[in-house]
Amino acid sequence: MTKKLDRNQIAERIDNILKSHKKPYEKKIALFNLVKNLEVGDLPSEKKKRVNHLLESCLFNELAKQSMKEYKKTTVEVFRKN
């Protein structure tokens, strides 16, 4: 859903996301979805798809980094118990 928002509405939504009790990676997903759905002008359909793929790849990269950090932390905890 794309919707034209003014700067104050965007700032308020960003502030709400950042102040939420979500985990950091959940906040990144919420921020990503906000940016992805912002109406910033007319883009040709193909260009819009390319931009969205680029944004998604950056998000997935960040999520993969977070997952690896949590994996390493869990692995360390398991080996400490043994």
Protein backbone atom coordinates (compact mmCIF):
# COMPACT_ATOMS: atom_id res chain seq x y z
CA MET A 1 0.00 0.00 0.00
CA THR A 2 1.57 3.27 -1.07
CA LYS A 3 0.38 6.45 0.49
CA LYS A 4 1.60 10.00 0.17
CA LEU A 5 2.72 11.14 3.63
CA ASP A 6 4.02 14.51 4.71
CA ARG A 7 7.32 14.86 6.57
CA ASN A 8 5.66 15.05 9.98
CA GLN A 9 3.72 11.84 9.41
CA ILE A 10 6.87 10.05 8.24
CA ALA A 11 8.83 11.34 11.23
CA GLU A 12 6.05 10.25 13.58
CA ARG A 13 5.96 6.75 12.11
CA ILE A 14 9.75 6.43 12.31
CA ASP A 15 9.69 7.65 15.91
CA ASN A 16 6.96 5.13 16.80
CA ILE A 17 8.97 2.29 15.28
CA LEU A 18 12.18 3.29 17.05
CA LYS A 19 10.42 3.70 20.42
CA SER A 20 8.62 0.36 20.13
CA HIS A 21 9.58 -2.64 22.23
CA LYS A 22 10.52 -4.67 19.16
CA LYS A 23 13.90 -6.31 18.71
CA PRO A 24 16.40 -4.34 16.62
CA TYR A 25 16.00 -6.51 13.52
CA GLU A 26 12.20 -6.23 13.78
CA LYS A 27 12.57 -2.45 13.86
CA LYS A 28 14.74 -2.64 10.73
CA ILE A 29 12.05 -4.65 8.97
CA ALA A 30 9.39 -2.15 10.01
CA LEU A 31 11.54 0.77 8.85
CA PHE A 32 12.25 -1.06 5.59
CA ASN A 33 8.55 -1.60 4.98
CA LEU A 34 7.86 2.05 5.70
CA VAL A 35 10.51 3.20 3.22
CA LYS A 36 9.51 0.63 0.62
CA ASN A 37 5.88 1.79 0.70
CA LEU A 38 6.53 5.52 0.65
CA GLU A 39 5.24 7.39 -2.36
CA VAL A 40 8.15 9.44 -3.68
CA GLY A 41 6.93 10.13 -7.18
CA ASP A 42 6.22 8.18 -10.30
CA LEU A 43 8.67 5.43 -11.16
CA PRO A 44 8.32 3.18 -14.16
CA SER A 45 7.17 -0.28 -13.09
CA GLU A 46 10.43 -1.97 -14.03
CA LYS A 47 12.56 0.60 -12.22
CA LYS A 48 10.34 0.34 -9.14
CA LYS A 49 10.87 -3.44 -9.12
CA ARG A 50 14.63 -2.99 -9.40
CA VAL A 51 14.70 -0.47 -6.55
CA ASN A 52 12.58 -2.74 -4.36
CA HIS A 53 14.88 -5.71 -5.06
CA LEU A 54 17.88 -3.60 -4.12
CA LEU A 55 16.23 -2.47 -0.89
CA GLU A 56 15.22 -6.03 -0.05
CA SER A 57 18.74 -7.33 -0.65
CA CYS A 58 20.15 -4.71 1.74
CA LEU A 59 17.57 -5.68 4.35
CA PHE A 60 18.25 -9.39 3.96
CA ASN A 61 21.97 -8.70 4.28
CA GLU A 62 21.37 -6.95 7.60
CA LEU A 63 19.08 -9.74 8.80
CA ALA A 64 21.68 -12.34 7.86
CA LYS A 65 24.31 -10.48 9.88
CA GLN A 66 21.97 -10.38 12.88
CA SER A 67 21.19 -14.08 12.52
CA MET A 68 24.88 -14.95 12.42
CA LYS A 69 25.52 -12.91 15.59
CA GLU A 70 22.71 -14.74 17.37
CA TYR A 71 23.95 -18.10 16.05
CA LYS A 72 27.46 -17.41 17.35
CA LYS A 73 26.11 -16.31 20.72
CA THR A 74 23.97 -19.45 21.00
CA THR A 75 26.89 -21.65 19.97
CA VAL A 76 29.14 -20.09 22.60
CA GLU A 77 26.48 -20.64 25.27
CA VAL A 78 26.09 -24.31 24.27
CA PHE A 79 29.86 -24.95 24.42
CA ARG A 80 30.14 -23.17 27.79
CA LYS A 81 27.54 -25.52 29.25
CA ASN A 82 29.47 -28.60 28.08
